[in-house]
Amino acid sequence: MSSTTSPSPPTSWREGMSSDNVKGLVLALSSSVFIGASFIVKKKGLKKAGASGVRAGVGGYSYLYEPLWWVGMITMIVGEVANFAAYAFAPAILVTPLGALSIIISAALAHVILQEKLHIFGILGCVLCVVGSTTIVLHAPQECEIESVTEVWDLAMEPAFLMYAALVITAAFILIFCFIPEYGQTHIMVYIGVCSLVGSLSVMSVKALGIALKLTLSGMNQLIYPQTWLFTFVVITCVLTQMNYLNKALDTFNTAVVSPIYYVMFTSLTILASVIMFKDWDRQSPTQVVTEMCGFVTILSGTFLLHKTKDMADGLSTALCLRLSKHSEDDILNGGEGIPLKRQESFR
């Protein structure tokens, strides 16, 4: 078997990163910066729109008239375009986990701009995300050689991926029509579940479309194939669905909670879809696969810390407010002089 079809494990960083993987890495990193910032700008826009109209979380669309929301949307589009281009050069198992960096940026900006406090353990969570992302980058598989969009279509038509797609679509419809009307406002996993399930299919279609455009620009026209336009239709449908339910999640729940949970679910399902469709792990040694999974678990640990840290910060803030409120009530009951009740009784 030739070394091109079954590459040996890299012995150095330079050998392990092809030029296409490096391009995909740079595009993925820039995408994380734009997308992480867009969460905050869109959140500010949703808050501003909700103050003067019907909130997105309860079915309103007043945010469409809010310029700040559109600034966030344009920022997200720039990030998604960079992300789109990254999938054309590198495998999804490399590009998708780097979305953890957008969580770090989102959490940091939420701390500064939205006053959603980031605990010291949240900073540790950010560090874990960086370490896990670096591990995955250094052990990611090489992009497989594809010379036509019809090859991607053949991969999508294999029984294993068709079964996965059918399960994802069925689960998404059940969440939308059965669970969202009753639990959407109280259970964060409902909105994010729809975004993540649909998102895993959108990434596979985005990768197919990116490959088609890359080949077209290199002189091999892929626009003549109907498969290119079918993938385009799937991308548009999935992205619009993701945008709708992500807006509802951001408007209903805390940004510092939405971002990590969405990342974990979306990344897990995307890696699963990529492994099934593009058979990424078939081109790697068991050691590389295990190392990638360790890196992914490290990222999950970081996002878990960010999530739990937010709960701790909210709990401390609530406890402090209750304590201050209790002291204020005691002061009023004691004649407004701020003298403790036990001290007053001792004067009698």
Protein backbone atom coordinates (compact mmCIF):
# COMPACT_ATOMS: atom_id res chain seq x y z
CA MET A 1 0.00 0.00 0.00
CA SER A 2 1.36 3.42 -0.95
CA SER A 3 2.23 6.07 1.58
CA THR A 4 -0.33 8.46 0.06
CA THR A 5 -3.28 6.24 0.92
CA SER A 6 -2.01 5.19 4.32
CA PRO A 7 0.28 7.91 5.68
CA SER A 8 2.69 6.93 8.42
CA PRO A 9 2.44 8.81 11.72
CA PRO A 10 4.24 12.18 11.49
CA THR A 11 7.53 12.48 13.28
CA SER A 12 7.50 16.27 13.49
CA TRP A 13 5.10 19.17 13.39
CA ARG A 14 6.23 20.19 9.88
CA GLU A 15 5.68 16.69 8.53
CA GLY A 16 2.32 16.46 10.22
CA MET A 17 0.88 19.71 8.79
CA SER A 18 0.36 19.85 5.04
CA SER A 19 0.07 23.22 3.28
CA ASP A 20 -3.70 22.72 2.95
CA ASN A 21 -4.01 21.95 6.65
CA VAL A 22 -2.06 25.12 7.50
CA LYS A 23 -4.38 27.21 5.32
CA GLY A 24 -7.38 25.61 6.99
CA LEU A 25 -5.88 26.26 10.42
CA VAL A 26 -5.31 29.98 9.76
CA LEU A 27 -8.82 30.39 8.37
CA ALA A 28 -10.34 28.50 11.32
CA LEU A 29 -8.49 30.68 13.85
CA SER A 30 -9.63 33.91 12.20
CA SER A 31 -13.15 32.51 12.04
CA SER A 32 -13.15 31.92 15.81
CA VAL A 33 -12.22 35.54 16.47
CA PHE A 34 -15.08 36.92 14.38
CA ILE A 35 -17.68 34.41 15.59
CA GLY A 36 -16.76 34.85 19.26
CA ALA A 37 -17.16 38.62 18.97
CA SER A 38 -20.43 38.26 17.05
CA PHE A 39 -22.09 36.44 19.97
CA ILE A 40 -21.61 39.49 22.15
CA VAL A 41 -22.67 42.07 19.56
CA LYS A 42 -25.77 40.07 18.66
CA LYS A 43 -26.64 39.64 22.34
CA LYS A 44 -26.45 43.42 22.83
CA GLY A 45 -28.66 43.88 19.78
CA LEU A 46 -31.20 41.32 21.02
CA LYS A 47 -31.37 43.04 24.41
CA LYS A 48 -31.86 46.44 22.81
CA ALA A 49 -34.52 45.11 20.44
CA GLY A 50 -36.30 43.23 23.24
CA ALA A 51 -36.59 46.43 25.28
CA SER A 52 -38.73 48.05 22.59
CA GLY A 53 -40.43 45.07 20.95
CA VAL A 54 -41.25 41.37 21.19
CA ARG A 55 -38.27 39.31 22.36
CA ALA A 56 -36.82 36.67 20.02
CA GLY A 57 -37.13 34.11 22.80
CA VAL A 58 -40.94 34.29 22.62
CA GLY A 59 -41.20 34.34 18.84
CA GLY A 60 -40.55 38.02 18.08
CA TYR A 61 -38.48 39.34 15.18
CA SER A 62 -38.01 42.96 16.24
CA TYR A 63 -34.25 42.35 16.29
CA LEU A 64 -34.34 42.48 12.47
CA TYR A 65 -34.85 46.26 12.79
CA GLU A 66 -31.95 46.69 15.21
CA PRO A 67 -28.69 47.92 13.52
CA LEU A 68 -26.53 46.52 16.32
CA TRP A 69 -27.88 43.02 15.71
CA TRP A 70 -27.01 43.36 12.04
CA VAL A 71 -23.46 44.40 12.94
CA GLY A 72 -23.19 41.19 14.93
CA MET A 73 -24.75 39.25 12.09
CA ILE A 74 -22.28 40.65 9.55
CA THR A 75 -19.42 39.82 11.93
CA MET A 76 -20.73 36.27 12.21
CA ILE A 77 -21.06 36.01 8.43
CA VAL A 78 -17.41 37.05 8.00
CA GLY A 79 -16.45 34.38 10.52
CA GLU A 80 -18.61 31.78 8.82
CA VAL A 81 -17.11 32.62 5.42
CA ALA A 82 -13.64 32.05 6.87
CA ASN A 83 -14.91 28.85 8.45
CA PHE A 84 -16.45 27.81 5.14
CA ALA A 85 -13.13 28.31 3.39
CA ALA A 86 -11.32 26.38 6.14
CA TYR A 87 -13.44 23.27 5.47
CA ALA A 88 -12.36 23.37 1.82
CA PHE A 89 -8.71 22.93 2.84
CA ALA A 90 -8.72 20.89 6.06
CA PRO A 91 -10.73 17.97 7.50
CA ALA A 92 -13.67 18.75 9.77
CA ILE A 93 -11.99 16.98 12.69
CA LEU A 94 -9.33 19.74 12.58
CA VAL A 95 -11.50 22.77 11.83
CA THR A 96 -14.53 22.18 14.05
CA PRO A 97 -12.83 21.75 17.46
CA LEU A 98 -11.04 25.09 16.96
CA GLY A 99 -14.42 26.67 17.59
CA ALA A 100 -13.40 26.41 21.26
CA LEU A 101 -11.40 29.58 20.71
CA SER A 102 -14.62 31.44 19.91
CA ILE A 103 -15.89 30.35 23.35
CA ILE A 104 -12.84 31.89 24.98
CA ILE A 105 -13.32 35.15 23.09
CA SER A 106 -17.06 35.15 23.80
CA ALA A 107 -16.54 34.50 27.54
CA ALA A 108 -13.87 37.20 27.82
CA LEU A 109 -15.96 39.80 25.99
CA ALA A 110 -19.07 38.84 27.97
CA HIS A 111 -17.06 39.47 31.15
CA VAL A 112 -16.00 42.93 29.95
CA ILE A 113 -19.00 44.15 27.95
CA LEU A 114 -22.04 42.29 29.29
CA GLN A 115 -20.79 42.12 32.90
CA GLU A 116 -21.28 38.33 32.87
CA LYS A 117 -18.50 37.63 35.35
CA LEU A 118 -15.75 35.12 34.55
CA HIS A 119 -14.46 33.25 37.62
CA ILE A 120 -10.83 32.22 38.04
CA PHE A 121 -11.79 28.66 37.15
CA GLY A 122 -13.32 30.03 33.96
CA ILE A 123 -9.85 31.24 33.02
CA LEU A 124 -8.56 27.71 33.69
CA GLY A 125 -11.31 26.44 31.40
CA CYS A 126 -10.06 28.76 28.66
CA VAL A 127 -6.53 27.41 29.10
CA LEU A 128 -7.80 23.82 28.81
CA CYS A 129 -9.60 24.72 25.60
CA VAL A 130 -6.38 26.09 24.13
CA VAL A 131 -4.39 23.01 25.18
CA GLY A 132 -6.99 20.64 23.75
CA SER A 133 -7.20 22.59 20.48
CA THR A 134 -3.41 22.52 20.12
CA THR A 135 -3.36 18.75 20.67
CA ILE A 136 -5.95 18.20 17.94
CA VAL A 137 -4.15 20.53 15.53
CA LEU A 138 -0.86 18.67 15.91
CA HIS A 139 -2.44 15.24 15.32
CA ALA A 140 -5.16 16.04 12.77
CA PRO A 141 -5.47 13.79 9.70
CA GLN A 142 -4.48 14.97 6.23
CA GLU A 143 -7.26 16.08 3.92
CA CYS A 144 -8.27 13.31 1.51
CA GLU A 145 -7.81 13.98 -2.20
CA ILE A 146 -11.16 14.64 -3.91
CA GLU A 147 -11.31 15.53 -7.60
CA SER A 148 -15.03 16.03 -8.14
CA VAL A 149 -18.11 16.98 -6.15
CA THR A 150 -19.67 13.75 -7.36
CA GLU A 151 -17.17 11.89 -5.20
CA VAL A 152 -18.50 13.75 -2.15
CA TRP A 153 -22.04 12.92 -3.22
CA ASP A 154 -21.15 9.24 -3.42
CA LEU A 155 -19.79 9.43 0.14
CA ALA A 156 -23.04 11.08 1.30
CA MET A 157 -25.10 8.35 -0.37
CA GLU A 158 -23.45 5.50 1.51
CA PRO A 159 -25.83 3.63 3.86
CA ALA A 160 -24.04 4.61 7.09
CA PHE A 161 -24.29 8.35 6.44
CA LEU A 162 -27.84 8.10 5.08
CA MET A 163 -28.86 6.42 8.34
CA TYR A 164 -27.13 9.16 10.36
CA ALA A 165 -28.83 11.91 8.33
CA ALA A 166 -32.24 10.27 8.76
CA LEU A 167 -31.79 10.03 12.54
CA VAL A 168 -30.67 13.67 12.76
CA ILE A 169 -33.61 14.99 10.72
CA THR A 170 -36.11 12.90 12.71
CA ALA A 171 -34.68 14.11 16.05
CA ALA A 172 -34.71 17.74 14.88
CA PHE A 173 -38.37 17.56 13.86
CA ILE A 174 -39.33 15.94 17.17
CA LEU A 175 -37.58 18.73 19.10
CA ILE A 176 -39.13 21.49 16.98
CA PHE A 177 -42.73 20.27 17.01
CA CYS A 178 -42.97 18.36 20.30
CA PHE A 179 -40.50 19.85 22.79
CA ILE A 180 -39.91 23.50 21.86
CA PRO A 181 -43.54 24.66 22.39
CA GLU A 182 -43.54 23.29 25.95
CA TYR A 183 -39.91 23.34 27.11
CA GLY A 184 -38.15 25.90 24.91
CA GLN A 185 -38.22 28.69 27.50
CA THR A 186 -36.99 26.54 30.40
CA HIS A 187 -34.63 23.88 28.99
CA ILE A 188 -31.56 25.18 27.15
CA MET A 189 -30.85 21.80 25.54
CA VAL A 190 -33.98 22.03 23.36
CA TYR A 191 -32.93 25.04 21.27
CA ILE A 192 -29.28 24.04 21.22
CA GLY A 193 -30.18 20.46 20.32
CA VAL A 194 -31.86 21.65 17.12
CA CYS A 195 -28.91 23.93 16.26
CA SER A 196 -26.36 21.17 16.83
CA LEU A 197 -28.20 18.40 14.99
CA VAL A 198 -28.89 20.55 11.95
CA GLY A 199 -25.40 22.04 12.20
CA SER A 200 -23.68 18.68 11.77
CA LEU A 201 -25.43 18.25 8.41
CA SER A 202 -24.69 21.82 7.39
CA VAL A 203 -20.96 21.33 7.99
CA MET A 204 -20.87 18.26 5.75
CA SER A 205 -22.68 20.22 3.01
CA VAL A 206 -20.46 23.27 3.55
CA LYS A 207 -17.39 21.08 3.14
CA ALA A 208 -18.81 19.59 -0.07
CA LEU A 209 -19.65 23.05 -1.42
CA GLY A 210 -16.24 24.40 -0.40
CA ILE A 211 -14.49 21.57 -2.24
CA ALA A 212 -16.65 22.26 -5.31
CA LEU A 213 -15.73 25.95 -5.32
CA LYS A 214 -12.05 25.22 -4.72
CA LEU A 215 -11.98 22.82 -7.67
CA THR A 216 -13.90 25.30 -9.82
CA LEU A 217 -11.42 28.07 -9.08
CA SER A 218 -8.56 25.72 -9.93
CA GLY A 219 -10.00 25.14 -13.41
CA MET A 220 -12.26 22.10 -12.91
CA ASN A 221 -15.80 23.50 -13.16
CA GLN A 222 -18.08 21.84 -10.61
CA LEU A 223 -21.06 24.17 -11.14
CA ILE A 224 -22.27 22.00 -14.00
CA TYR A 225 -23.10 19.17 -11.59
CA PRO A 226 -26.57 19.15 -9.96
CA GLN A 227 -24.97 17.80 -6.76
CA THR A 228 -23.27 21.17 -6.22
CA TRP A 229 -26.63 22.95 -6.19
CA LEU A 230 -28.21 20.29 -3.97
CA PHE A 231 -25.46 20.82 -1.42
CA THR A 232 -26.04 24.58 -1.72
CA PHE A 233 -29.74 24.13 -0.95
CA VAL A 234 -28.94 22.01 2.11
CA VAL A 235 -26.45 24.63 3.36
CA ILE A 236 -28.98 27.49 3.04
CA THR A 237 -31.77 25.50 4.72
CA CYS A 238 -29.59 24.33 7.61
CA VAL A 239 -27.94 27.72 8.22
CA LEU A 240 -31.29 29.53 8.34
CA THR A 241 -32.60 26.96 10.81
CA GLN A 242 -29.49 27.25 12.97
CA MET A 243 -29.67 31.06 12.96
CA ASN A 244 -33.32 31.07 14.02
CA TYR A 245 -32.95 28.73 16.98
CA LEU A 246 -29.57 30.09 18.05
CA ASN A 247 -31.14 33.55 18.28
CA LYS A 248 -33.89 32.11 20.49
CA ALA A 249 -31.29 30.41 22.73
CA LEU A 250 -29.19 33.59 23.05
CA ASP A 251 -32.23 35.71 23.86
CA THR A 252 -33.57 33.27 26.45
CA PHE A 253 -30.42 32.07 28.22
CA ASN A 254 -27.06 33.43 29.35
CA THR A 255 -24.42 33.81 26.62
CA ALA A 256 -21.70 32.24 28.78
CA VAL A 257 -23.91 29.13 29.09
CA VAL A 258 -25.19 28.98 25.50
CA SER A 259 -21.74 29.21 23.89
CA PRO A 260 -20.02 26.23 25.59
CA ILE A 261 -23.01 23.89 25.48
CA TYR A 262 -23.60 24.68 21.81
CA TYR A 263 -19.93 24.13 21.09
CA VAL A 264 -19.81 20.74 22.83
CA MET A 265 -22.93 19.37 21.13
CA PHE A 266 -22.20 20.87 17.71
CA THR A 267 -18.56 19.72 17.67
CA SER A 268 -19.35 16.20 18.90
CA LEU A 269 -22.03 15.66 16.27
CA THR A 270 -19.91 17.22 13.51
CA ILE A 271 -16.93 14.99 14.28
CA LEU A 272 -19.25 11.97 14.30
CA ALA A 273 -20.75 12.99 10.95
CA SER A 274 -17.28 13.58 9.44
CA VAL A 275 -15.97 10.23 10.68
CA ILE A 276 -18.98 8.49 9.14
CA MET A 277 -19.02 10.37 5.83
CA PHE A 278 -15.35 11.13 5.08
CA LYS A 279 -13.85 8.25 7.09
CA ASP A 280 -11.23 10.54 8.65
CA TRP A 281 -9.98 7.92 11.10
CA ASP A 282 -9.32 5.39 8.35
CA ARG A 283 -6.28 7.49 7.37
CA GLN A 284 -4.82 7.58 10.90
CA SER A 285 -3.06 5.27 13.31
CA PRO A 286 -4.82 4.26 16.55
CA THR A 287 -2.36 6.42 18.51
CA GLN A 288 -3.34 9.52 16.54
CA VAL A 289 -7.05 8.82 16.99
CA VAL A 290 -6.66 8.35 20.75
CA THR A 291 -4.58 11.53 21.03
CA GLU A 292 -7.22 13.51 19.15
CA MET A 293 -9.91 12.19 21.45
CA CYS A 294 -7.82 13.16 24.48
CA GLY A 295 -7.51 16.65 23.04
CA PHE A 296 -11.26 16.80 22.49
CA VAL A 297 -11.96 15.61 26.04
CA THR A 298 -9.59 18.34 27.30
CA ILE A 299 -11.64 20.90 25.37
CA LEU A 300 -14.86 19.48 26.82
CA SER A 301 -13.35 19.80 30.32
CA GLY A 302 -12.57 23.44 29.62
CA THR A 303 -16.07 24.20 28.40
CA PHE A 304 -17.53 22.37 31.41
CA LEU A 305 -15.46 24.56 33.73
CA LEU A 306 -16.66 27.68 31.92
CA HIS A 307 -20.24 26.50 32.32
CA LYS A 308 -20.00 25.60 36.00
CA THR A 309 -18.01 28.75 36.76
CA LYS A 310 -20.86 30.83 35.40
CA ASP A 311 -23.25 29.04 37.73
CA MET A 312 -20.89 29.78 40.65
CA ALA A 313 -20.68 33.46 39.72
CA ASP A 314 -24.46 33.72 39.37
CA GLY A 315 -24.92 31.94 42.69
CA LEU A 316 -22.52 34.23 44.49
CA SER A 317 -24.19 37.30 43.00
CA THR A 318 -27.63 36.06 44.01
CA ALA A 319 -26.47 35.23 47.54
CA LEU A 320 -24.85 38.64 47.89
CA CYS A 321 -28.01 40.41 46.72
CA LEU A 322 -30.14 38.41 49.15
CA ARG A 323 -27.74 39.13 52.01
CA LEU A 324 -27.70 42.86 51.26
CA SER A 325 -31.47 42.85 50.96
CA LYS A 326 -31.78 41.10 54.33
CA HIS A 327 -29.50 43.64 55.99
CA SER A 328 -31.56 46.47 54.51
CA GLU A 329 -34.77 44.96 55.88
CA ASP A 330 -33.16 44.56 59.30
CA ASP A 331 -32.10 48.20 59.26
CA ILE A 332 -35.65 49.30 58.49
CA LEU A 333 -37.10 47.13 61.24
CA ASN A 334 -34.57 48.52 63.68
CA GLY A 335 -35.60 52.08 63.09
CA GLY A 336 -33.29 52.80 60.17
CA GLU A 337 -30.28 53.43 62.40
CA GLY A 338 -28.36 50.40 61.20
CA ILE A 339 -28.01 49.00 64.77
CA PRO A 340 -28.23 45.19 65.01
CA LEU A 341 -31.34 43.90 66.82
CA LYS A 342 -29.35 41.98 69.43
CA ARG A 343 -27.39 45.10 70.24
CA GLN A 344 -30.64 47.08 70.72
CA GLU A 345 -32.03 44.44 73.08
CA SER A 346 -28.86 44.62 75.16
CA PHE A 347 -29.52 48.34 75.76
CA ARG A 348 -32.93 47.66 77.34
